[in-house]
Amino acid sequence: MKGTHITNRARKWLAIGFTAVIASSVFYIPTVAAHGEKAQAAFLRMRTIHWYDMVWSKDTIAVNETYTISGKFRVFEDWPEAVEKPHVSFLNAGQPGPVTARLTSYINGMFVPRSIGLELGGDYEFEMTMQGRRPGTWHVHTLLNVQGGGPLIGPGKYITITGDMADFENKITDLTGNTVNLETMATGTVIGWHLFWYVLGIAWIWWWARRPMFLPRYMRIEAGEANDLVTAQDKKLTIGVLVGVLLIILFGFKSAEDKFPVTIPLQAGLLGTIDSLPVDYNSMVSANVLKANYRVPGRTISMTVEITNHTDQVISIGEFNTGGIRFMNANVRVDETDYPEELLAPEGLEVSQQDIAPGETVVVDISATDAAWEVQRMADVIYDPDSRFAGLIFFVDPEGNEIPIPIGGPLVPTFV
């Protein structure tokens, strides 16, 4: 009896402890630390859009305060065959819900609220202005949506928003001169119509589901009594609901027209193809990959690249950028933009020859080493059916001007 009493007591406390753990886990909501770019296939990050010269004007803002994301991107020439070309593209910010509002977006100085076309091999300059909306710390990315190709995610950075979401305002002045707050405009009307249709829909389902369903109805159909399942009362109700719904829709349309007589449809057309920046980097430097390997144990890409300097100045190899990860030659280039730490290898680039004289053609061994290959899942490219890598090599002249040159080619993995 004594042993049984102890056992029962132990079971009681075990059950209480287990319940407490489950209850505490329900109320525990950890901060989301996932990075959207990791979920994207490595070949997409390498061979579609290369984002560079990225600048986040602030990393902490208050609700209603704004900050900008600016920089450049290269539309890679060796665009994957499996992805639609960026002839219909839309610049946006990737974030966990509407934590900020995108106020403006520009590409090469052109306002782009709608979709645009981009040229393969072109360089573009962009800027987006974001307004803080929901307090918290959020990972915000650059993002380019491509029709038929999906979202192409760029590098992201944590942005902290302070304050109270109840204070958020998104005011605009419409074409008639009225100023409205889009955050709260017609909220009551929207909620009211949703509740009305929910109630009507639930009542409609209840009317048909209140009688025996499934097996009894199936048995009557099998017995040849299908026509008896719908009664005269059902038919009258159906006609009444149909007429009532049409009248309600007509009433809603008429009342909206009376309240807002001046309207324009949502603008969803293509703005056209934007010309790339008027600079031909490829005429300044030629870079041809002779071979490339990814050493799995060392987390290193090793490339042998033939480089020709077509300029009249000495140029230096300063950086290799791929998938938003920056491998820096610390002797030439140091980040001063507070770039996301997890995407920066400040001493990750080694070269057999750093400086290239005017008119000189050299063969250089380049190694890009960092744990980011694995952490950011970029090493997965070696398991792709078309195992090819790509990126930008940044050459720097004595005045500090950069020359981004695309490189790429087959990538062979080594395991020793």
Protein backbone atom coordinates (compact mmCIF):
# COMPACT_ATOMS: atom_id res chain seq x y z
CA MET A 1 0.00 0.00 0.00
CA LYS A 2 2.80 2.34 0.91
CA GLY A 3 4.56 1.69 -2.39
CA THR A 4 1.34 2.21 -4.28
CA HIS A 5 0.76 5.51 -2.42
CA ILE A 6 4.24 6.74 -3.37
CA THR A 7 3.72 5.70 -6.96
CA ASN A 8 0.42 7.51 -7.21
CA ARG A 9 1.95 10.63 -5.64
CA ALA A 10 4.85 10.52 -8.11
CA ARG A 11 2.43 10.17 -10.99
CA LYS A 12 0.41 13.11 -9.66
CA TRP A 13 3.42 15.43 -9.47
CA LEU A 14 4.69 14.20 -12.82
CA ALA A 15 1.34 15.05 -14.40
CA ILE A 16 1.35 18.49 -12.75
CA GLY A 17 4.90 19.16 -13.95
CA PHE A 18 4.13 18.02 -17.48
CA THR A 19 1.03 20.23 -17.58
CA ALA A 20 3.05 23.22 -16.32
CA VAL A 21 5.68 22.71 -19.02
CA ILE A 22 3.05 22.50 -21.75
CA ALA A 23 1.25 25.57 -20.41
CA SER A 24 4.45 27.61 -20.20
CA SER A 25 5.43 26.64 -23.75
CA VAL A 26 2.09 27.90 -25.04
CA PHE A 27 2.77 31.38 -23.67
CA TYR A 28 6.42 31.43 -24.76
CA ILE A 29 6.76 33.15 -28.13
CA PRO A 30 10.44 33.42 -29.12
CA THR A 31 11.78 36.14 -31.39
CA VAL A 32 11.80 34.95 -34.99
CA ALA A 33 15.41 34.69 -36.14
CA ALA A 34 14.88 33.08 -39.54
CA HIS A 35 16.47 34.65 -42.59
CA GLY A 36 14.45 34.54 -45.79
CA GLU A 37 17.46 34.40 -48.07
CA LYS A 38 18.54 31.04 -46.61
CA ALA A 39 15.33 29.47 -47.90
CA GLN A 40 16.19 30.46 -51.47
CA ALA A 41 18.07 28.04 -53.69
CA ALA A 42 21.76 28.90 -53.98
CA PHE A 43 21.70 29.04 -57.78
CA LEU A 44 18.92 31.66 -57.64
CA ARG A 45 20.94 33.90 -55.33
CA MET A 46 24.07 33.45 -57.42
CA ARG A 47 22.77 33.71 -60.97
CA THR A 48 19.87 36.17 -60.96
CA ILE A 49 20.20 39.46 -59.08
CA HIS A 50 23.47 40.60 -57.45
CA TRP A 51 22.84 43.33 -54.86
CA TYR A 52 25.78 45.56 -53.97
CA ASP A 53 26.69 48.94 -52.45
CA MET A 54 23.82 48.38 -50.03
CA VAL A 55 23.10 51.08 -47.45
CA TRP A 56 20.46 51.08 -44.72
CA SER A 57 20.18 54.69 -43.52
CA LYS A 58 19.08 53.61 -40.02
CA ASP A 59 18.71 50.42 -38.05
CA THR A 60 16.44 51.86 -35.33
CA ILE A 61 13.37 53.98 -35.98
CA ALA A 62 10.14 54.92 -34.20
CA VAL A 63 6.63 54.26 -35.44
CA ASN A 64 5.87 56.75 -38.26
CA GLU A 65 9.58 57.48 -38.72
CA THR A 66 11.18 56.63 -42.07
CA TYR A 67 14.44 55.14 -43.29
CA THR A 68 15.82 54.28 -46.72
CA ILE A 69 17.31 51.18 -48.30
CA SER A 70 19.50 52.06 -51.24
CA GLY A 71 22.16 50.50 -53.41
CA LYS A 72 22.67 48.89 -56.79
CA PHE A 73 22.01 45.55 -58.40
CA ARG A 74 23.34 43.70 -61.42
CA VAL A 75 21.00 41.55 -63.52
CA PHE A 76 23.28 38.60 -64.20
CA GLU A 77 23.97 37.75 -67.84
CA ASP A 78 24.01 33.96 -67.28
CA TRP A 79 20.39 33.95 -66.13
CA PRO A 80 19.14 30.43 -65.23
CA GLU A 81 17.06 28.74 -67.91
CA ALA A 82 14.61 27.53 -65.25
CA VAL A 83 13.64 31.10 -64.29
CA GLU A 84 11.64 33.53 -66.41
CA LYS A 85 13.61 36.53 -67.63
CA PRO A 86 12.97 39.74 -65.63
CA HIS A 87 10.87 41.41 -68.32
CA VAL A 88 8.11 42.00 -65.75
CA SER A 89 9.64 42.80 -62.36
CA PHE A 90 8.56 44.60 -59.21
CA LEU A 91 10.90 46.14 -56.61
CA ASN A 92 9.79 45.55 -53.05
CA ALA A 93 10.95 44.83 -49.50
CA GLY A 94 10.76 41.35 -48.02
CA GLN A 95 9.65 41.46 -44.38
CA PRO A 96 7.54 39.44 -41.89
CA GLY A 97 4.22 41.09 -42.72
CA PRO A 98 3.46 44.83 -42.99
CA VAL A 99 5.88 45.87 -40.24
CA THR A 100 6.81 48.89 -42.36
CA ALA A 101 4.98 50.71 -45.11
CA ARG A 102 6.80 51.26 -48.41
CA LEU A 103 6.26 54.92 -49.25
CA THR A 104 8.38 55.30 -52.39
CA SER A 105 10.63 53.24 -54.64
CA TYR A 106 12.97 54.44 -57.39
CA ILE A 107 15.14 52.68 -59.96
CA ASN A 108 17.71 54.83 -61.78
CA GLY A 109 15.87 57.89 -60.49
CA MET A 110 12.52 56.76 -61.96
CA PHE A 111 9.52 56.36 -59.65
CA VAL A 112 8.43 52.71 -59.91
CA PRO A 113 5.15 52.04 -58.06
CA ARG A 114 4.35 49.33 -60.63
CA SER A 115 6.12 46.60 -62.57
CA ILE A 116 9.00 47.36 -64.90
CA GLY A 117 11.27 45.49 -67.31
CA LEU A 118 14.99 44.95 -66.74
CA GLU A 119 17.82 44.15 -69.15
CA LEU A 120 20.11 41.15 -68.70
CA GLY A 121 23.62 42.33 -67.90
CA GLY A 122 22.44 45.76 -66.76
CA ASP A 123 23.38 47.63 -63.59
CA TYR A 124 20.66 49.55 -61.76
CA GLU A 125 20.57 51.98 -58.87
CA PHE A 126 17.60 51.83 -56.49
CA GLU A 127 16.18 53.46 -53.37
CA MET A 128 13.17 52.64 -51.20
CA THR A 129 11.69 54.73 -48.39
CA MET A 130 10.11 52.72 -45.57
CA GLN A 131 7.91 53.96 -42.72
CA GLY A 132 7.85 52.22 -39.33
CA ARG A 133 4.49 50.62 -38.51
CA ARG A 134 4.71 47.69 -36.07
CA PRO A 135 7.09 47.80 -33.05
CA GLY A 136 9.65 45.02 -32.82
CA THR A 137 12.91 43.87 -34.35
CA TRP A 138 12.42 42.68 -37.90
CA HIS A 139 14.62 41.24 -40.62
CA VAL A 140 13.99 43.33 -43.74
CA HIS A 141 15.30 42.35 -47.18
CA THR A 142 15.48 43.84 -50.59
CA LEU A 143 13.26 41.88 -52.95
CA LEU A 144 12.62 41.70 -56.66
CA ASN A 145 9.48 39.88 -57.77
CA VAL A 146 9.78 38.43 -61.27
CA GLN A 147 6.69 37.28 -63.16
CA GLY A 148 7.04 33.54 -63.63
CA GLY A 149 10.21 33.49 -61.52
CA GLY A 150 8.92 34.34 -58.07
CA PRO A 151 10.57 36.52 -55.42
CA LEU A 152 14.35 36.96 -55.66
CA ILE A 153 15.54 37.87 -52.17
CA GLY A 154 18.47 40.16 -51.50
CA PRO A 155 20.51 40.73 -48.34
CA GLY A 156 18.57 41.57 -45.19
CA LYS A 157 19.25 43.53 -42.04
CA TYR A 158 17.56 43.75 -38.65
CA ILE A 159 15.55 46.93 -38.18
CA THR A 160 14.21 47.85 -34.73
CA ILE A 161 10.96 49.80 -34.55
CA THR A 162 9.99 51.44 -31.27
CA GLY A 163 6.76 53.06 -30.11
CA ASP A 164 3.07 52.09 -30.27
CA MET A 165 1.40 50.72 -33.39
CA ALA A 166 -1.79 52.56 -32.43
CA ASP A 167 0.01 55.81 -33.26
CA PHE A 168 0.78 54.76 -36.85
CA GLU A 169 -0.64 56.98 -39.58
CA ASN A 170 -0.41 56.60 -43.32
CA LYS A 171 -1.91 59.85 -44.56
CA ILE A 172 -2.27 60.79 -48.21
CA THR A 173 -4.03 63.55 -50.10
CA ASP A 174 -6.21 62.17 -52.88
CA LEU A 175 -6.90 63.70 -56.30
CA THR A 176 -9.91 65.60 -54.94
CA GLY A 177 -7.85 67.32 -52.24
CA ASN A 178 -9.10 65.26 -49.30
CA THR A 179 -6.56 63.97 -46.77
CA VAL A 180 -7.21 60.45 -45.49
CA ASN A 181 -5.40 57.99 -43.25
CA LEU A 182 -5.12 54.74 -45.21
CA GLU A 183 -4.46 52.81 -42.00
CA THR A 184 -7.95 53.46 -40.62
CA MET A 185 -9.94 54.61 -43.64
CA ALA A 186 -13.35 52.85 -43.82
CA THR A 187 -12.26 50.22 -41.28
CA GLY A 188 -15.75 50.06 -39.79
CA THR A 189 -17.31 49.57 -43.22
CA VAL A 190 -14.89 46.76 -44.08
CA ILE A 191 -15.51 44.96 -40.77
CA GLY A 192 -19.27 45.41 -41.09
CA TRP A 193 -19.46 43.93 -44.58
CA HIS A 194 -17.24 41.00 -43.60
CA LEU A 195 -19.40 40.20 -40.58
CA PHE A 196 -22.57 40.43 -42.67
CA TRP A 197 -21.32 37.98 -45.30
CA TYR A 198 -19.91 35.64 -42.63
CA VAL A 199 -23.29 35.50 -40.88
CA LEU A 200 -25.15 34.97 -44.16
CA GLY A 201 -22.70 32.23 -45.22
CA ILE A 202 -22.95 30.40 -41.89
CA ALA A 203 -26.75 30.59 -42.01
CA TRP A 204 -26.73 29.20 -45.55
CA ILE A 205 -24.52 26.28 -44.53
CA TRP A 206 -26.66 25.63 -41.43
CA TRP A 207 -29.84 25.43 -43.50
CA TRP A 208 -28.46 22.54 -45.57
CA ALA A 209 -26.43 20.87 -42.82
CA ARG A 210 -29.20 20.76 -40.20
CA ARG A 211 -30.61 17.59 -41.76
CA PRO A 212 -28.92 14.18 -41.93
CA MET A 213 -26.03 14.32 -44.36
CA PHE A 214 -23.59 12.08 -46.19
CA LEU A 215 -24.66 8.46 -45.65
CA PRO A 216 -28.46 9.03 -45.38
CA ARG A 217 -28.44 11.32 -48.43
CA TYR A 218 -26.27 8.87 -50.34
CA MET A 219 -28.67 6.02 -49.56
CA ARG A 220 -31.64 8.08 -50.84
CA ILE A 221 -29.76 8.91 -54.03
CA GLU A 222 -28.96 5.23 -54.54
CA ALA A 223 -32.65 4.49 -53.98
CA GLY A 224 -33.62 6.87 -56.79
CA GLU A 225 -35.02 9.56 -54.47
CA ALA A 226 -32.51 12.33 -55.35
CA ASN A 227 -35.26 14.73 -56.44
CA ASP A 228 -36.91 14.47 -53.01
CA LEU A 229 -33.80 15.75 -51.21
CA VAL A 230 -34.54 19.34 -52.23
CA THR A 231 -37.94 20.42 -50.96
CA ALA A 232 -40.21 23.18 -52.23
CA GLN A 233 -39.22 25.21 -49.17
CA ASP A 234 -35.54 24.79 -50.09
CA LYS A 235 -36.22 26.10 -53.59
CA LYS A 236 -38.13 29.14 -52.31
CA LEU A 237 -35.33 29.94 -49.87
CA THR A 238 -32.70 29.58 -52.60
CA ILE A 239 -34.52 31.98 -54.91
CA GLY A 240 -34.97 34.43 -52.04
CA VAL A 241 -31.30 34.31 -51.09
CA LEU A 242 -30.23 34.73 -54.72
CA VAL A 243 -32.44 37.78 -55.24
CA GLY A 244 -31.49 39.21 -51.85
CA VAL A 245 -27.75 38.87 -52.48
CA LEU A 246 -28.04 40.58 -55.87
CA LEU A 247 -30.05 43.44 -54.32
CA ILE A 248 -27.52 43.81 -51.50
CA ILE A 249 -24.61 43.95 -53.96
CA LEU A 250 -26.48 46.55 -56.04
CA PHE A 251 -27.19 48.60 -52.92
CA GLY A 252 -23.56 48.42 -51.82
CA PHE A 253 -22.31 49.46 -55.24
CA LYS A 254 -24.77 52.39 -55.44
CA SER A 255 -23.98 53.63 -51.93
CA ALA A 256 -20.24 53.51 -52.61
CA GLU A 257 -20.72 55.41 -55.89
CA ASP A 258 -22.72 58.10 -54.09
CA LYS A 259 -20.13 58.45 -51.31
CA PHE A 260 -17.09 58.35 -53.62
CA PRO A 261 -18.18 59.67 -57.04
CA VAL A 262 -14.61 60.20 -58.28
CA THR A 263 -12.62 56.95 -58.56
CA ILE A 264 -9.92 55.43 -60.75
CA PRO A 265 -9.11 51.73 -61.13
CA LEU A 266 -6.05 50.20 -59.52
CA GLN A 267 -3.04 50.84 -61.72
CA ALA A 268 -1.47 47.52 -62.67
CA GLY A 269 0.14 48.05 -66.08
CA LEU A 270 3.80 47.69 -67.04
CA LEU A 271 5.75 50.95 -66.86
CA GLY A 272 8.15 49.74 -69.56
CA THR A 273 11.75 48.60 -69.66
CA ILE A 274 14.19 50.76 -67.72
CA ASP A 275 17.56 51.41 -69.34
CA SER A 276 20.53 50.27 -67.27
CA LEU A 277 23.12 52.68 -65.90
CA PRO A 278 25.18 54.27 -68.71
CA VAL A 279 28.46 52.62 -67.77
CA ASP A 280 30.15 49.66 -69.43
CA TYR A 281 32.22 47.97 -66.75
CA ASN A 282 33.02 45.03 -69.01
CA SER A 283 35.03 47.33 -71.30
CA MET A 284 37.25 48.26 -68.36
CA VAL A 285 38.19 44.80 -67.11
CA SER A 286 37.86 41.31 -68.57
CA ALA A 287 37.64 38.32 -66.24
CA ASN A 288 37.40 34.73 -67.44
CA VAL A 289 37.16 31.81 -65.03
CA LEU A 290 39.49 29.01 -66.13
CA LYS A 291 38.47 26.61 -63.36
CA ALA A 292 36.67 26.69 -60.03
CA ASN A 293 36.39 24.27 -57.11
CA TYR A 294 34.48 24.24 -53.86
CA ARG A 295 36.46 22.56 -51.07
CA VAL A 296 33.80 21.18 -48.72
CA PRO A 297 35.96 20.67 -45.57
CA GLY A 298 37.50 24.13 -45.86
CA ARG A 299 34.35 25.98 -46.90
CA THR A 300 36.29 27.61 -49.71
CA ILE A 301 35.74 28.45 -53.34
CA SER A 302 39.02 28.44 -55.23
CA MET A 303 39.07 30.05 -58.67
CA THR A 304 41.68 30.48 -61.33
CA VAL A 305 40.76 33.62 -63.25
CA GLU A 306 42.35 35.22 -66.28
CA ILE A 307 42.11 39.00 -65.85
CA THR A 308 42.90 41.80 -68.30
CA ASN A 309 43.08 45.42 -67.20
CA HIS A 310 41.84 47.65 -70.05
CA THR A 311 42.11 50.88 -68.05
CA ASP A 312 45.07 53.28 -67.81
CA GLN A 313 45.41 52.81 -64.04
CA VAL A 314 46.53 50.08 -61.69
CA ILE A 315 43.55 48.18 -60.33
CA SER A 316 43.38 45.94 -57.25
CA ILE A 317 41.17 42.96 -56.43
CA GLY A 318 39.13 44.12 -53.44
CA GLU A 319 36.05 41.94 -53.02
CA PHE A 320 34.07 38.93 -54.22
CA ASN A 321 30.29 39.20 -53.78
CA THR A 322 27.89 36.33 -54.31
CA GLY A 323 24.38 35.77 -52.97
CA GLY A 324 24.73 38.88 -50.83
CA ILE A 325 27.81 37.49 -49.04
CA ARG A 326 30.83 39.78 -49.26
CA PHE A 327 34.34 38.27 -49.15
CA MET A 328 36.74 41.15 -48.58
CA ASN A 329 40.44 41.56 -49.31
CA ALA A 330 41.32 43.49 -46.14
CA ASN A 331 44.42 44.98 -47.78
CA VAL A 332 42.25 46.80 -50.34
CA ARG A 333 38.69 47.13 -49.13
CA VAL A 334 37.11 47.61 -45.70
CA ASP A 335 33.36 47.78 -45.10
CA GLU A 336 32.20 51.12 -43.70
CA THR A 337 28.46 50.67 -44.25
CA ASP A 338 27.62 48.52 -41.20
CA TYR A 339 26.77 45.63 -43.52
CA PRO A 340 25.02 42.67 -41.82
CA GLU A 341 27.68 40.78 -39.90
CA GLU A 342 26.42 37.33 -40.89
CA LEU A 343 26.88 38.22 -44.58
CA LEU A 344 30.34 39.75 -44.26
CA ALA A 345 33.70 38.00 -44.39
CA PRO A 346 36.03 40.96 -43.69
CA GLU A 347 39.19 38.90 -44.34
CA GLY A 348 37.67 36.12 -46.42
CA LEU A 349 39.34 36.84 -49.76
CA GLU A 350 42.88 35.78 -50.67
CA VAL A 351 44.52 36.41 -54.06
CA SER A 352 47.82 35.29 -55.56
CA GLN A 353 48.25 38.73 -57.19
CA GLN A 354 46.50 41.78 -55.83
CA ASP A 355 47.46 44.57 -58.26
CA ILE A 356 47.13 44.49 -62.05
CA ALA A 357 48.94 47.06 -64.18
CA PRO A 358 47.32 48.95 -67.09
CA GLY A 359 47.03 46.70 -70.15
CA GLU A 360 48.30 43.66 -68.23
CA THR A 361 46.81 40.20 -68.57
CA VAL A 362 47.42 37.89 -65.63
CA VAL A 363 46.17 34.57 -64.28
CA VAL A 364 45.18 34.95 -60.61
CA ASP A 365 44.26 32.33 -58.03
CA ILE A 366 41.41 33.61 -55.88
CA SER A 367 40.07 31.94 -52.71
CA ALA A 368 36.89 32.95 -50.87
CA THR A 369 36.70 31.31 -47.45
CA ASP A 370 34.12 31.62 -44.67
CA ALA A 371 31.59 29.58 -42.70
CA ALA A 372 28.88 31.62 -44.46
CA TRP A 373 29.07 29.14 -47.35
CA GLU A 374 27.45 26.57 -45.07
CA VAL A 375 25.54 28.82 -42.68
CA GLN A 376 23.83 30.65 -45.55
CA ARG A 377 23.34 27.35 -47.44
CA MET A 378 25.23 28.65 -50.46
CA ALA A 379 27.27 25.44 -50.61
CA ASP A 380 24.09 23.66 -51.73
CA VAL A 381 24.91 24.79 -55.26
CA ILE A 382 27.23 21.76 -55.59
CA TYR A 383 24.17 19.49 -55.34
CA ASP A 384 22.32 21.33 -58.10
CA PRO A 385 21.80 19.49 -61.44
CA ASP A 386 23.54 22.45 -63.11
CA SER A 387 26.34 23.05 -60.62
CA ARG A 388 27.43 26.55 -61.62
CA PHE A 389 28.51 29.45 -59.46
CA ALA A 390 28.43 33.18 -60.15
CA GLY A 391 29.24 36.47 -58.49
CA LEU A 392 30.86 39.87 -58.84
CA ILE A 393 34.56 40.65 -58.45
CA PHE A 394 35.14 44.24 -57.37
CA PHE A 395 38.27 45.88 -58.71
CA VAL A 396 39.36 49.15 -57.13
CA ASP A 397 41.43 51.93 -58.74
CA PRO A 398 43.79 54.29 -56.81
CA GLU A 399 40.95 56.83 -56.31
CA GLY A 400 38.74 54.20 -54.69
CA ASN A 401 36.36 53.81 -57.63
CA GLU A 402 34.96 50.32 -57.94
CA ILE A 403 34.55 48.21 -61.07
CA PRO A 404 32.13 45.28 -60.53
CA ILE A 405 32.81 42.50 -63.03
CA PRO A 406 30.60 39.39 -63.26
CA ILE A 407 32.22 35.97 -63.24
CA GLY A 408 30.85 32.46 -63.23
CA GLY A 409 31.13 28.96 -64.54
CA PRO A 410 31.02 25.27 -63.59
CA LEU A 411 31.88 24.48 -59.96
CA VAL A 412 33.51 21.15 -59.07
CA PRO A 413 33.34 20.03 -55.41
CA THR A 414 36.31 18.47 -53.63
CA PHE A 415 36.08 16.58 -50.34
CA VAL A 416 39.73 16.45 -49.27
